[in-house]
PDB file of N, CA and C in Angstrom:
ATOM      1  N   UNK A   1      46.400 -21.984  12.890  1.00  0.00           N
ATOM      2  CA  UNK A   1      46.085 -23.192  12.145  1.00  0.00           C
ATOM      3  C   UNK A   1      45.754 -22.969  10.676  1.00  0.00           C
ATOM      4  N   UNK A   2      46.268 -23.541   9.810  1.00  0.00           N
ATOM      5  CA  UNK A   2      45.955 -23.265   8.548  1.00  0.00           C
ATOM      6  C   UNK A   2      44.729 -24.145   7.977  1.00  0.00           C
ATOM      7  N   UNK A   3      44.127 -23.608   6.992  1.00  0.00           N
ATOM      8  CA  UNK A   3      43.050 -24.489   6.481  1.00  0.00           C
ATOM      9  C   UNK A   3      43.763 -25.141   5.186  1.00  0.00           C
ATOM     10  N   UNK A   4      43.302 -26.397   5.409  1.00  0.00           N
ATOM     11  CA  UNK A   4      43.949 -27.227   4.328  1.00  0.00           C
ATOM     12  C   UNK A   4      42.828 -27.359   3.137  1.00  0.00           C
ATOM     13  N   UNK A   5      43.317 -27.850   2.062  1.00  0.00           N
ATOM     14  CA  UNK A   5      42.401 -27.985   0.896  1.00  0.00           C
ATOM     15  C   UNK A   5      41.384 -29.069   1.119  1.00  0.00           C
ATOM     16  N   UNK A   6      41.609 -30.038   2.017  1.00  0.00           N
ATOM     17  CA  UNK A   6      40.398 -31.025   2.270  1.00  0.00           C
ATOM     18  C   UNK A   6      39.426 -30.290   3.006  1.00  0.00           C
ATOM     19  N   UNK A   7      39.725 -29.277   3.978  1.00  0.00           N
ATOM     20  CA  UNK A   7      38.592 -28.604   4.767  1.00  0.00           C
ATOM     21  C   UNK A   7      37.906 -27.585   3.831  1.00  0.00           C
ATOM     22  N   UNK A   8      38.337 -27.017   2.768  1.00  0.00           N
ATOM     23  CA  UNK A   8      37.781 -26.140   1.833  1.00  0.00           C
ATOM     24  C   UNK A   8      37.042 -26.963   0.950  1.00  0.00           C
ATOM     25  N   UNK A   9      37.347 -28.128   0.667  1.00  0.00           N
ATOM     26  CA  UNK A   9      36.567 -29.256  -0.111  1.00  0.00           C
ATOM     27  C   UNK A   9      35.271 -29.592   0.490  1.00  0.00           C
ATOM     28  N   UNK A  10      35.447 -29.838   1.922  1.00  0.00           N
ATOM     29  CA  UNK A  10      34.433 -30.240   2.670  1.00  0.00           C
ATOM     30  C   UNK A  10      33.248 -29.293   2.754  1.00  0.00           C
ATOM     31  N   UNK A  11      33.781 -27.904   3.031  1.00  0.00           N
ATOM     32  CA  UNK A  11      32.781 -26.813   3.109  1.00  0.00           C
ATOM     33  C   UNK A  11      31.971 -26.582   1.632  1.00  0.00           C
ATOM     34  N   UNK A  12      32.904 -26.603   0.546  1.00  0.00           N
ATOM     35  CA  UNK A  12      32.320 -26.497  -0.691  1.00  0.00           C
ATOM     36  C   UNK A  12      31.183 -27.672  -1.045  1.00  0.00           C
ATOM     37  N   UNK A  13      31.468 -28.902  -0.574  1.00  0.00           N
ATOM     38  CA  UNK A  13      30.574 -29.858  -0.641  1.00  0.00           C
ATOM     39  C   UNK A  13      29.341 -29.618   0.021  1.00  0.00           C
ATOM     40  N   UNK A  14      29.313 -28.927   1.200  1.00  0.00           N
ATOM     41  CA  UNK A  14      28.172 -28.809   1.914  1.00  0.00           C
ATOM     42  C   UNK A  14      27.368 -27.437   1.423  1.00  0.00           C
ATOM     43  N   UNK A  15      28.030 -26.611   0.881  1.00  0.00           N
ATOM     44  CA  UNK A  15      27.328 -25.389   0.250  1.00  0.00           C
ATOM     45  C   UNK A  15      26.720 -25.697  -1.058  1.00  0.00           C
ATOM     46  N   UNK A  16      27.231 -26.490  -1.944  1.00  0.00           N
ATOM     47  CA  UNK A  16      26.615 -26.800  -3.202  1.00  0.00           C
ATOM     48  C   UNK A  16      25.139 -27.250  -3.102  1.00  0.00           C
ATOM     49  N   UNK A  17      24.731 -28.252  -2.329  1.00  0.00           N
ATOM     50  CA  UNK A  17      23.374 -28.524  -2.144  1.00  0.00           C
ATOM     51  C   UNK A  17      22.373 -27.408  -1.758  1.00  0.00           C
ATOM     52  N   UNK A  18      22.881 -26.452  -0.797  1.00  0.00           N
ATOM     53  CA  UNK A  18      22.243 -25.323  -0.284  1.00  0.00           C
ATOM     54  C   UNK A  18      22.050 -24.401  -1.516  1.00  0.00           C
ATOM     55  N   UNK A  19      23.082 -24.167  -2.271  1.00  0.00           N
ATOM     56  CA  UNK A  19      22.994 -23.250  -3.459  1.00  0.00           C
ATOM     57  C   UNK A  19      22.152 -23.792  -4.454  1.00  0.00           C
ATOM     58  N   UNK A  20      22.072 -25.081  -4.817  1.00  0.00           N
ATOM     59  CA  UNK A  20      21.168 -25.656  -5.777  1.00  0.00           C
ATOM     60  C   UNK A  20      19.718 -25.520  -5.365  1.00  0.00           C
ATOM     61  N   UNK A  21      19.387 -25.670  -4.010  1.00  0.00           N
ATOM     62  CA  UNK A  21      18.122 -25.558  -3.510  1.00  0.00           C
ATOM     63  C   UNK A  21      17.694 -24.126  -3.631  1.00  0.00           C
ATOM     64  N   UNK A  22      18.494 -23.136  -3.363  1.00  0.00           N
ATOM     65  CA  UNK A  22      18.054 -21.732  -3.437  1.00  0.00           C
ATOM     66  C   UNK A  22      17.765 -21.372  -4.975  1.00  0.00           C
ATOM     67  N   UNK A  23      18.528 -21.913  -5.898  1.00  0.00           N
ATOM     68  CA  UNK A  23      18.420 -21.611  -7.252  1.00  0.00           C
ATOM     69  C   UNK A  23      17.022 -22.349  -7.641  1.00  0.00           C
ATOM     70  N   UNK A  24      16.815 -23.497  -7.134  1.00  0.00           N
ATOM     71  CA  UNK A  24      15.478 -24.086  -7.618  1.00  0.00           C
ATOM     72  C   UNK A  24      14.344 -23.396  -7.071  1.00  0.00           C
ATOM     73  N   UNK A  25      14.362 -22.792  -5.880  1.00  0.00           N
ATOM     74  CA  UNK A  25      13.225 -22.032  -5.365  1.00  0.00           C
ATOM     75  C   UNK A  25      13.096 -20.721  -6.160  1.00  0.00           C
ATOM     76  N   UNK A  26      14.104 -20.053  -6.421  1.00  0.00           N
ATOM     77  CA  UNK A  26      14.164 -18.747  -7.312  1.00  0.00           C
ATOM     78  C   UNK A  26      13.538 -19.073  -8.724  1.00  0.00           C
ATOM     79  N   UNK A  27      13.763 -20.362  -9.181  1.00  0.00           N
ATOM     80  CA  UNK A  27      13.277 -20.597 -10.504  1.00  0.00           C
ATOM     81  C   UNK A  27      11.766 -20.987 -10.402  1.00  0.00           C
ATOM     82  N   UNK A  28      11.318 -21.552  -9.401  1.00  0.00           N
ATOM     83  CA  UNK A  28      10.019 -21.766  -9.090  1.00  0.00           C
ATOM     84  C   UNK A  28       9.130 -20.404  -9.170  1.00  0.00           C
ATOM     85  N   UNK A  29       9.701 -19.646  -8.264  1.00  0.00           N
ATOM     86  CA  UNK A  29       9.010 -18.264  -8.122  1.00  0.00           C
ATOM     87  C   UNK A  29       9.020 -17.545  -9.466  1.00  0.00           C
ATOM     88  N   UNK A  30      10.047 -17.617 -10.136  1.00  0.00           N
ATOM     89  CA  UNK A  30      10.040 -16.870 -11.482  1.00  0.00           C
ATOM     90  C   UNK A  30       9.081 -17.537 -12.414  1.00  0.00           C
ATOM     91  N   UNK A  31       9.029 -18.732 -12.559  1.00  0.00           N
ATOM     92  CA  UNK A  31       8.152 -19.551 -13.281  1.00  0.00           C
ATOM     93  C   UNK A  31       6.707 -19.301 -12.995  1.00  0.00           C
ATOM     94  N   UNK A  32       6.393 -19.151 -11.832  1.00  0.00           N
ATOM     95  CA  UNK A  32       4.843 -18.899 -11.280  1.00  0.00           C
ATOM     96  C   UNK A  32       4.685 -17.448 -11.624  1.00  0.00           C
ATOM     97  N   UNK A  33       5.554 -16.604 -11.658  1.00  0.00           N
ATOM     98  CA  UNK A  33       5.347 -15.181 -11.733  1.00  0.00           C
ATOM     99  C   UNK A  33       5.054 -14.745 -13.215  1.00  0.00           C
ATOM    100  N   UNK A  34       5.891 -15.333 -14.077  1.00  0.00           N
ATOM    101  CA  UNK A  34       5.875 -15.039 -15.682  1.00  0.00           C
ATOM    102  C   UNK A  34       4.868 -16.104 -16.452  1.00  0.00           C
ATOM    103  N   UNK A  35       4.820 -17.325 -15.975  1.00  0.00           N
ATOM    104  CA  UNK A  35       4.023 -18.129 -17.045  1.00  0.00           C
ATOM    105  C   UNK A  35       2.754 -18.691 -16.255  1.00  0.00           C
ATOM    106  N   UNK A  36       2.312 -18.213 -15.138  1.00  0.00           N
ATOM    107  CA  UNK A  36       1.087 -18.524 -14.650  1.00  0.00           C
ATOM    108  C   UNK A  36      -0.109 -18.293 -15.514  1.00  0.00           C
ATOM    109  N   UNK A  37      -1.171 -19.195 -15.563  1.00  0.00           N
ATOM    110  CA  UNK A  37      -2.302 -18.951 -16.427  1.00  0.00           C
ATOM    111  C   UNK A  37      -3.231 -18.028 -15.684  1.00  0.00           C
ATOM    112  N   UNK A  38      -3.172 -17.670 -14.326  1.00  0.00           N
ATOM    113  CA  UNK A  38      -4.169 -17.058 -13.548  1.00  0.00           C
ATOM    114  C   UNK A  38      -4.028 -15.566 -13.964  1.00  0.00           C
ATOM    115  N   UNK A  39      -5.140 -15.017 -14.507  1.00  0.00           N
ATOM    116  CA  UNK A  39      -5.241 -13.635 -14.929  1.00  0.00           C
ATOM    117  C   UNK A  39      -5.982 -12.869 -13.912  1.00  0.00           C
ATOM    118  N   UNK A  40      -5.708 -11.813 -13.444  1.00  0.00           N
ATOM    119  CA  UNK A  40      -6.457 -11.054 -12.711  1.00  0.00           C
ATOM    120  C   UNK A  40      -7.486 -10.203 -13.580  1.00  0.00           C
ATOM    121  N   UNK A  41      -8.776 -10.090 -13.033  1.00  0.00           N
ATOM    122  CA  UNK A  41      -9.750  -9.345 -13.859  1.00  0.00           C
ATOM    123  C   UNK A  41      -9.449  -7.838 -13.982  1.00  0.00           C
ATOM    124  N   UNK A  42      -9.837  -7.211 -15.047  1.00  0.00           N
ATOM    125  CA  UNK A  42      -9.719  -5.906 -15.343  1.00  0.00           C
ATOM    126  C   UNK A  42     -10.536  -5.136 -14.280  1.00  0.00           C
ATOM    127  N   UNK A  43     -10.042  -3.841 -14.175  1.00  0.00           N
ATOM    128  CA  UNK A  43     -10.686  -2.938 -13.358  1.00  0.00           C
ATOM    129  C   UNK A  43     -12.246  -2.588 -13.645  1.00  0.00           C
ATOM    130  N   UNK A  44     -12.402  -2.499 -15.012  1.00  0.00           N
ATOM    131  CA  UNK A  44     -13.742  -2.311 -15.618  1.00  0.00           C
ATOM    132  C   UNK A  44     -14.616  -3.467 -15.206  1.00  0.00           C
ATOM    133  N   UNK A  45     -14.164  -4.824 -15.282  1.00  0.00           N
ATOM    134  CA  UNK A  45     -14.948  -5.857 -14.853  1.00  0.00           C
ATOM    135  C   UNK A  45     -15.307  -5.976 -13.223  1.00  0.00           C
ATOM    136  N   UNK A  46     -14.580  -5.410 -12.564  1.00  0.00           N
ATOM    137  CA  UNK A  46     -14.686  -5.289 -11.251  1.00  0.00           C
ATOM    138  C   UNK A  46     -15.797  -4.222 -10.611  1.00  0.00           C
ATOM    139  N   UNK A  47     -15.649  -3.068 -11.448  1.00  0.00           N
ATOM    140  CA  UNK A  47     -16.474  -1.973 -11.081  1.00  0.00           C
ATOM    141  C   UNK A  47     -17.855  -2.022 -11.913  1.00  0.00           C
ATOM    142  N   UNK A  48     -17.802  -2.819 -12.922  1.00  0.00           N
ATOM    143  CA  UNK A  48     -19.149  -2.882 -13.741  1.00  0.00           C
ATOM    144  C   UNK A  48     -20.408  -3.109 -12.954  1.00  0.00           C
ATOM    145  N   UNK A  49     -20.612  -4.244 -12.150  1.00  0.00           N
ATOM    146  CA  UNK A  49     -21.701  -4.474 -11.427  1.00  0.00           C
ATOM    147  C   UNK A  49     -22.121  -3.348 -10.430  1.00  0.00           C
ATOM    148  N   UNK A  50     -21.088  -2.710  -9.815  1.00  0.00           N
ATOM    149  CA  UNK A  50     -21.398  -1.655  -8.771  1.00  0.00           C
ATOM    150  C   UNK A  50     -22.062  -0.443  -9.399  1.00  0.00           C
ATOM    151  N   UNK A  51     -21.673   0.019 -10.573  1.00  0.00           N
ATOM    152  CA  UNK A  51     -22.319   1.142 -11.245  1.00  0.00           C
ATOM    153  C   UNK A  51     -23.135   0.864 -12.420  1.00  0.00           C
ATOM    154  N   UNK A  52     -24.216   0.114 -12.315  1.00  0.00           N
ATOM    155  CA  UNK A  52     -25.182  -0.234 -13.281  1.00  0.00           C
ATOM    156  C   UNK A  52     -25.961   0.998 -13.704  1.00  0.00           C
ATOM    157  N   UNK A  53     -26.332   1.695 -12.721  1.00  0.00           N
ATOM    158  CA  UNK A  53     -27.325   2.804 -12.708  1.00  0.00           C
ATOM    159  C   UNK A  53     -27.086   3.678 -11.607  1.00  0.00           C
ATOM    160  N   UNK A  54     -26.954   5.010 -11.811  1.00  0.00           N
ATOM    161  CA  UNK A  54     -26.759   5.918 -10.818  1.00  0.00           C
ATOM    162  C   UNK A  54     -28.060   6.704 -10.582  1.00  0.00           C
ATOM    163  N   UNK A  55     -28.610   6.734  -9.383  1.00  0.00           N
ATOM    164  CA  UNK A  55     -29.815   7.642  -9.227  1.00  0.00           C
ATOM    165  C   UNK A  55     -29.535   8.567  -8.006  1.00  0.00           C
ATOM    166  N   UNK A  56     -29.803   9.820  -8.259  1.00  0.00           N
ATOM    167  CA  UNK A  56     -29.774  10.884  -7.432  1.00  0.00           C
ATOM    168  C   UNK A  56     -31.124  11.165  -6.798  1.00  0.00           C
ATOM    169  N   UNK A  57     -31.303  11.122  -5.541  1.00  0.00           N
ATOM    170  CA  UNK A  57     -32.454  11.387  -4.903  1.00  0.00           C
ATOM    171  C   UNK A  57     -32.499  12.794  -4.563  1.00  0.00           C
ATOM    172  N   UNK A  58     -33.175  13.798  -5.272  1.00  0.00           N
ATOM    173  CA  UNK A  58     -33.122  15.199  -5.010  1.00  0.00           C
ATOM    174  C   UNK A  58     -34.069  15.470  -3.998  1.00  0.00           C
ATOM    175  N   UNK A  59     -35.225  15.055  -3.721  1.00  0.00           N
ATOM    176  CA  UNK A  59     -36.279  15.336  -2.875  1.00  0.00           C
ATOM    177  C   UNK A  59     -35.616  15.260  -1.310  1.00  0.00           C
ATOM    178  N   UNK A  60     -34.562  14.375  -1.143  1.00  0.00           N
ATOM    179  CA  UNK A  60     -33.948  14.351   0.152  1.00  0.00           C
ATOM    180  C   UNK A  60     -33.358  15.678   0.423  1.00  0.00           C
ATOM    181  N   UNK A  61     -32.836  16.328  -0.616  1.00  0.00           N
ATOM    182  CA  UNK A  61     -32.212  17.658  -0.135  1.00  0.00           C
ATOM    183  C   UNK A  61     -33.126  18.731   0.139  1.00  0.00           C
ATOM    184  N   UNK A  62     -34.540  18.458   0.003  1.00  0.00           N
ATOM    185  CA  UNK A  62     -35.569  19.442   0.272  1.00  0.00           C
ATOM    186  C   UNK A  62     -36.025  19.237   1.743  1.00  0.00           C
ATOM    187  N   UNK A  63     -35.540  18.104   2.384  1.00  0.00           N
ATOM    188  CA  UNK A  63     -36.223  17.739   3.654  1.00  0.00           C
ATOM    189  C   UNK A  63     -35.876  18.828   4.703  1.00  0.00           C
ATOM    190  N   UNK A  64     -36.640  18.757   6.042  1.00  0.00           N
ATOM    191  CA  UNK A  64     -36.352  19.710   7.089  1.00  0.00           C
ATOM    192  C   UNK A  64     -34.939  19.669   7.639  1.00  0.00           C
ATOM    193  N   UNK A  65     -34.253  18.406   7.574  1.00  0.00           N
ATOM    194  CA  UNK A  65     -33.157  18.261   8.275  1.00  0.00           C
ATOM    195  C   UNK A  65     -31.986  19.066   7.478  1.00  0.00           C
ATOM    196  N   UNK A  66     -32.105  19.065   6.150  1.00  0.00           N
ATOM    197  CA  UNK A  66     -31.038  19.709   5.291  1.00  0.00           C
ATOM    198  C   UNK A  66     -31.444  21.162   5.371  1.00  0.00           C
ATOM    199  N   UNK A  67     -32.592  21.708   5.520  1.00  0.00           N
ATOM    200  CA  UNK A  67     -32.778  23.063   5.585  1.00  0.00           C
ATOM    201  C   UNK A  67     -32.218  23.856   6.775  1.00  0.00           C
ATOM    202  N   UNK A  68     -32.007  23.027   7.924  1.00  0.00           N
ATOM    203  CA  UNK A  68     -31.262  23.658   9.034  1.00  0.00           C
ATOM    204  C   UNK A  68     -29.909  23.938   8.942  1.00  0.00           C
ATOM    205  N   UNK A  69     -29.088  23.332   7.862  1.00  0.00           N
ATOM    206  CA  UNK A  69     -27.801  23.686   7.667  1.00  0.00           C
ATOM    207  C   UNK A  69     -27.587  25.081   7.252  1.00  0.00           C
ATOM    208  N   UNK A  70     -26.499  25.847   7.643  1.00  0.00           N
ATOM    209  CA  UNK A  70     -26.231  27.247   7.283  1.00  0.00           C
ATOM    210  C   UNK A  70     -24.844  27.185   6.424  1.00  0.00           C
ATOM    211  N   UNK A  71     -24.838  27.853   5.522  1.00  0.00           N
ATOM    212  CA  UNK A  71     -23.350  28.190   4.761  1.00  0.00           C
ATOM    213  C   UNK A  71     -22.543  29.269   5.445  1.00  0.00           C
ATOM    214  N   UNK A  72     -21.255  29.141   5.557  1.00  0.00           N
ATOM    215  CA  UNK A  72     -20.293  29.855   6.188  1.00  0.00           C
ATOM    216  C   UNK A  72     -19.885  30.785   5.098  1.00  0.00           C
ATOM    217  N   UNK A  73     -19.928  32.070   5.220  1.00  0.00           N
ATOM    218  CA  UNK A  73     -19.509  33.138   4.306  1.00  0.00           C
ATOM    219  C   UNK A  73     -18.157  33.246   4.155  1.00  0.00           C
ATOM    220  N   UNK A  74     -17.243  33.210   5.351  1.00  0.00           N
ATOM    221  CA  UNK A  74     -15.896  33.334   5.298  1.00  0.00           C
ATOM    222  C   UNK A  74     -15.538  32.844   6.802  1.00  0.00           C
ATOM    223  N   UNK A  75     -14.243  32.584   6.870  1.00  0.00           N
ATOM    224  CA  UNK A  75     -13.594  32.138   7.994  1.00  0.00           C
ATOM    225  C   UNK A  75     -13.110  33.298   8.813  1.00  0.00           C
ATOM    226  N   UNK A  76     -13.446  33.415  10.016  1.00  0.00           N
ATOM    227  CA  UNK A  76     -13.165  34.509  10.758  1.00  0.00           C
ATOM    228  C   UNK A  76     -11.639  34.479  11.186  1.00  0.00           C
ATOM    229  N   UNK A  77     -10.852  35.612  11.352  1.00  0.00           N
ATOM    230  CA  UNK A  77      -9.565  35.546  11.644  1.00  0.00           C
ATOM    231  C   UNK A  77      -9.314  35.066  13.291  1.00  0.00           C
ATOM    232  N   UNK A  78      -8.189  34.489  13.627  1.00  0.00           N
ATOM    233  CA  UNK A  78      -7.955  34.063  14.999  1.00  0.00           C
ATOM    234  C   UNK A  78      -7.755  35.248  15.779  1.00  0.00           C
ATOM    235  N   UNK A  79      -8.425  35.380  16.856  1.00  0.00           N
ATOM    236  CA  UNK A  79      -8.212  36.432  17.879  1.00  0.00           C
ATOM    237  C   UNK A  79      -7.695  35.782  19.207  1.00  0.00           C
ATOM    238  N   UNK A  80      -6.726  36.553  19.751  1.00  0.00           N
ATOM    239  CA  UNK A  80      -6.208  36.042  20.938  1.00  0.00           C
ATOM    240  C   UNK A  80      -4.655  35.660  20.872  1.00  0.00           C
ATOM    241  N   UNK A  81      -4.247  35.186  21.894  1.00  0.00           N
ATOM    242  CA  UNK A  81      -2.752  34.888  22.031  1.00  0.00           C
ATOM    243  C   UNK A  81      -2.387  33.775  21.051  1.00  0.00           C
ATOM    244  N   UNK A  82      -1.307  34.002  20.331  1.00  0.00           N
ATOM    245  CA  UNK A  82      -0.993  33.015  19.061  1.00  0.00           C
ATOM    246  C   UNK A  82       0.252  32.109  19.529  1.00  0.00           C
ATOM    247  N   UNK A  83       0.808  32.275  20.736  1.00  0.00           N
ATOM    248  CA  UNK A  83       2.009  31.444  21.160  1.00  0.00           C
ATOM    249  C   UNK A  83       3.256  32.009  21.181  1.00  0.00           C
ATOM    250  N   UNK A  84       4.166  31.217  21.182  1.00  0.00           N
ATOM    251  CA  UNK A  84       5.608  31.902  21.420  1.00  0.00           C
ATOM    252  C   UNK A  84       6.127  32.441  19.958  1.00  0.00           C
ATOM    253  N   UNK A  85       7.156  33.355  20.116  1.00  0.00           N
ATOM    254  CA  UNK A  85       7.509  34.028  18.804  1.00  0.00           C
ATOM    255  C   UNK A  85       8.292  33.081  18.087  1.00  0.00           C
ATOM    256  N   UNK A  86       9.213  32.146  18.744  1.00  0.00           N
ATOM    257  CA  UNK A  86       9.853  31.173  17.940  1.00  0.00           C
ATOM    258  C   UNK A  86       9.741  29.883  18.724  1.00  0.00           C
ATOM    259  N   UNK A  87       8.931  29.046  18.344  1.00  0.00           N
ATOM    260  CA  UNK A  87       8.680  27.773  18.903  1.00  0.00           C
ATOM    261  C   UNK A  87       9.654  26.660  19.080  1.00  0.00           C
ATOM    262  N   UNK A  88      10.769  26.972  18.219  1.00  0.00           N
ATOM    263  CA  UNK A  88      11.767  25.968  18.165  1.00  0.00           C
ATOM    264  C   UNK A  88      12.880  26.097  19.202  1.00  0.00           C
ATOM    265  N   UNK A  89      12.858  27.190  19.924  1.00  0.00           N
ATOM    266  CA  UNK A  89      13.940  27.352  20.882  1.00  0.00           C
ATOM    267  C   UNK A  89      13.268  26.913  22.236  1.00  0.00           C
ATOM    268  N   UNK A  90      14.337  26.349  23.075  1.00  0.00           N
ATOM    269  CA  UNK A  90      13.947  25.735  24.280  1.00  0.00           C
ATOM    270  C   UNK A  90      13.616  26.655  25.298  1.00  0.00           C
ATOM    271  N   UNK A  91      12.617  26.153  26.290  1.00  0.00           N
ATOM    272  CA  UNK A  91      12.284  27.127  27.302  1.00  0.00           C
ATOM    273  C   UNK A  91      13.339  27.649  28.359  1.00  0.00           C
TER     274      UNK A  91
END
């Protein structure tokens, strides 16, 4: 069954409004993206209230809870069985 020119024209007439709507939506998105007046605040303005003054409480480091901590001098090597020679081969 051959497609006649009238069938192509009907299909084209139904696709034109859909294409126009898509172009209109894309235009609105681009307009709002480039020409919107809403500006995001700068990073300095966001962080400024949080870091007005920095205080370090040194006497807390001398408390008995911190005196119980011990420093590790070095990491001990692993002792014992290390696993299979080639872990990628099947069992």
